[in-house]
Amino acid sequence: VPGPPVRVALPERTSLTVTPPESGNARLQILDAAGQPFRSLRFRSVQQEWFLGGSPVVVDDLPPGRWQLVITAQSRVLHIPAETAPGNPARIVLPF
């Protein structure tokens, strides 16, 4: 049903760069404060997991906020807190 224009305000997006060790083979999942996975629209599909294969991964459409990075490598699982803010891209270097 047609109606008057509606104003929509979308939150600013920011980016998060995760750098694994050079020989790393791991998976990254980003969880919000409620434990729900962040989902990114990529090339007509929804992505909620990223492969860390030794080179940095940039998630460039992340809303500002506090996040839990879940890194799964071999049989290890790491939980790393991260925070993103508009105009201040976040960078995480993995310790393993």
C-alpha atoms as a PDB file:
ATOM      1  CA  VAL A   1       0.000   0.000   0.000  1.00  0.00           C
ATOM      2  CA  PRO A   2       1.550   3.309  -1.003  1.00  0.00           C
ATOM      3  CA  GLY A   3       2.123   5.803   1.769  1.00  0.00           C
ATOM      4  CA  PRO A   4       4.287   8.692   2.764  1.00  0.00           C
ATOM      5  CA  PRO A   5       8.073   8.388   2.562  1.00  0.00           C
ATOM      6  CA  VAL A   6       9.706   6.724   5.541  1.00  0.00           C
ATOM      7  CA  ARG A   7      13.114   7.766   6.796  1.00  0.00           C
ATOM      8  CA  VAL A   8      15.503   4.863   7.368  1.00  0.00           C
ATOM      9  CA  ALA A   9      18.744   5.261   9.326  1.00  0.00           C
ATOM     10  CA  LEU A  10      21.258   2.463   8.915  1.00  0.00           C
ATOM     11  CA  PRO A  11      24.179   2.174  11.334  1.00  0.00           C
ATOM     12  CA  GLU A  12      27.631   2.964  10.016  1.00  0.00           C
ATOM     13  CA  ARG A  13      29.723  -0.005   9.048  1.00  0.00           C
ATOM     14  CA  THR A  14      33.311  -0.607   9.982  1.00  0.00           C
ATOM     15  CA  SER A  15      35.912  -3.239   9.231  1.00  0.00           C
ATOM     16  CA  LEU A  16      37.754  -5.951  11.076  1.00  0.00           C
ATOM     17  CA  THR A  17      41.025  -7.432   9.809  1.00  0.00           C
ATOM     18  CA  VAL A  18      42.107 -10.787  11.242  1.00  0.00           C
ATOM     19  CA  THR A  19      45.685 -11.827  10.532  1.00  0.00           C
ATOM     20  CA  PRO A  20      46.583 -15.477  11.130  1.00  0.00           C
ATOM     21  CA  PRO A  21      50.131 -16.837  11.315  1.00  0.00           C
ATOM     22  CA  GLU A  22      51.691 -17.405   7.894  1.00  0.00           C
ATOM     23  CA  SER A  23      51.222 -21.162   8.095  1.00  0.00           C
ATOM     24  CA  GLY A  24      47.737 -20.960   9.599  1.00  0.00           C
ATOM     25  CA  ASN A  25      44.761 -23.016   8.540  1.00  0.00           C
ATOM     26  CA  ALA A  26      41.752 -22.002  10.590  1.00  0.00           C
ATOM     27  CA  ARG A  27      38.110 -20.954  10.447  1.00  0.00           C
ATOM     28  CA  LEU A  28      36.721 -17.689  11.814  1.00  0.00           C
ATOM     29  CA  GLN A  29      33.226 -17.094  13.098  1.00  0.00           C
ATOM     30  CA  ILE A  30      32.116 -13.733  14.533  1.00  0.00           C
ATOM     31  CA  LEU A  31      29.487 -13.769  17.287  1.00  0.00           C
ATOM     32  CA  ASP A  32      27.527 -10.804  18.619  1.00  0.00           C
ATOM     33  CA  ALA A  33      26.839 -10.086  22.305  1.00  0.00           C
ATOM     34  CA  ALA A  34      23.899 -12.511  22.263  1.00  0.00           C
ATOM     35  CA  GLY A  35      26.039 -15.296  20.790  1.00  0.00           C
ATOM     36  CA  GLN A  36      24.447 -15.064  17.350  1.00  0.00           C
ATOM     37  CA  PRO A  37      26.727 -15.348  14.308  1.00  0.00           C
ATOM     38  CA  PHE A  38      27.351 -12.267  12.198  1.00  0.00           C
ATOM     39  CA  ARG A  39      26.173 -12.858   8.646  1.00  0.00           C
ATOM     40  CA  SER A  40      27.575 -10.927   5.714  1.00  0.00           C
ATOM     41  CA  LEU A  41      25.986 -10.701   2.285  1.00  0.00           C
ATOM     42  CA  ARG A  42      28.702 -11.692  -0.179  1.00  0.00           C
ATOM     43  CA  PHE A  43      28.192 -12.114  -3.889  1.00  0.00           C
ATOM     44  CA  ARG A  44      24.518 -13.086  -3.594  1.00  0.00           C
ATOM     45  CA  SER A  45      25.123 -15.491  -0.723  1.00  0.00           C
ATOM     46  CA  VAL A  46      25.259 -15.209   3.042  1.00  0.00           C
ATOM     47  CA  GLN A  47      28.626 -15.789   4.675  1.00  0.00           C
ATOM     48  CA  GLN A  48      28.968 -16.522   8.376  1.00  0.00           C
ATOM     49  CA  GLU A  49      32.354 -18.220   8.409  1.00  0.00           C
ATOM     50  CA  TRP A  50      35.708 -17.180   6.941  1.00  0.00           C
ATOM     51  CA  PHE A  51      38.725 -19.323   6.084  1.00  0.00           C
ATOM     52  CA  LEU A  52      42.035 -18.146   7.518  1.00  0.00           C
ATOM     53  CA  GLY A  53      44.698 -19.618   5.271  1.00  0.00           C
ATOM     54  CA  GLY A  54      47.789 -17.651   6.172  1.00  0.00           C
ATOM     55  CA  SER A  55      46.765 -14.264   4.776  1.00  0.00           C
ATOM     56  CA  PRO A  56      44.663 -11.520   6.409  1.00  0.00           C
ATOM     57  CA  VAL A  57      40.885 -11.657   6.143  1.00  0.00           C
ATOM     58  CA  VAL A  58      38.963  -8.380   6.036  1.00  0.00           C
ATOM     59  CA  VAL A  59      35.301  -8.258   7.043  1.00  0.00           C
ATOM     60  CA  ASP A  60      34.363  -4.805   5.779  1.00  0.00           C
ATOM     61  CA  ASP A  61      30.655  -4.607   6.572  1.00  0.00           C
ATOM     62  CA  LEU A  62      30.644  -5.204  10.320  1.00  0.00           C
ATOM     63  CA  PRO A  63      28.439  -2.943  12.455  1.00  0.00           C
ATOM     64  CA  PRO A  64      30.053  -1.165  15.396  1.00  0.00           C
ATOM     65  CA  GLY A  65      29.971  -3.125  18.630  1.00  0.00           C
ATOM     66  CA  ARG A  66      31.538  -5.821  20.771  1.00  0.00           C
ATOM     67  CA  TRP A  67      32.194  -9.180  19.159  1.00  0.00           C
ATOM     68  CA  GLN A  68      33.514 -12.595  20.083  1.00  0.00           C
ATOM     69  CA  LEU A  69      35.836 -14.094  17.473  1.00  0.00           C
ATOM     70  CA  VAL A  70      35.749 -17.879  17.467  1.00  0.00           C
ATOM     71  CA  ILE A  71      38.822 -19.326  15.793  1.00  0.00           C
ATOM     72  CA  THR A  72      38.890 -23.058  15.113  1.00  0.00           C
ATOM     73  CA  ALA A  73      42.245 -24.529  14.116  1.00  0.00           C
ATOM     74  CA  GLN A  74      42.924 -28.252  14.090  1.00  0.00           C
ATOM     75  CA  SER A  75      41.504 -29.377  17.441  1.00  0.00           C
ATOM     76  CA  ARG A  76      41.850 -25.992  19.183  1.00  0.00           C
ATOM     77  CA  VAL A  77      39.170 -23.350  19.653  1.00  0.00           C
ATOM     78  CA  LEU A  78      40.088 -19.801  20.656  1.00  0.00           C
ATOM     79  CA  HIS A  79      37.637 -17.132  21.806  1.00  0.00           C
ATOM     80  CA  ILE A  80      39.017 -13.630  21.289  1.00  0.00           C
ATOM     81  CA  PRO A  81      37.070 -10.475  22.172  1.00  0.00           C
ATOM     82  CA  ALA A  82      37.042  -7.627  19.645  1.00  0.00           C
ATOM     83  CA  GLU A  83      35.396  -4.243  19.401  1.00  0.00           C
ATOM     84  CA  THR A  84      34.620  -2.224  16.294  1.00  0.00           C
ATOM     85  CA  ALA A  85      33.814   1.481  16.013  1.00  0.00           C
ATOM     86  CA  PRO A  86      32.988   3.748  13.065  1.00  0.00           C
ATOM     87  CA  GLY A  87      36.058   5.353  11.554  1.00  0.00           C
ATOM     88  CA  ASN A  88      38.398   3.086  13.513  1.00  0.00           C
ATOM     89  CA  PRO A  89      39.035  -0.236  11.714  1.00  0.00           C
ATOM     90  CA  ALA A  90      39.856  -3.066  14.120  1.00  0.00           C
ATOM     91  CA  ARG A  91      42.879  -5.328  13.645  1.00  0.00           C
ATOM     92  CA  ILE A  92      43.502  -8.629  15.363  1.00  0.00           C
ATOM     93  CA  VAL A  93      46.705 -10.681  14.990  1.00  0.00           C
ATOM     94  CA  LEU A  94      46.192 -14.290  16.048  1.00  0.00           C
ATOM     95  CA  PRO A  95      48.643 -15.705  18.548  1.00  0.00           C
ATOM     96  CA  PHE A  96      49.105 -19.188  17.083  1.00  0.00           C
END
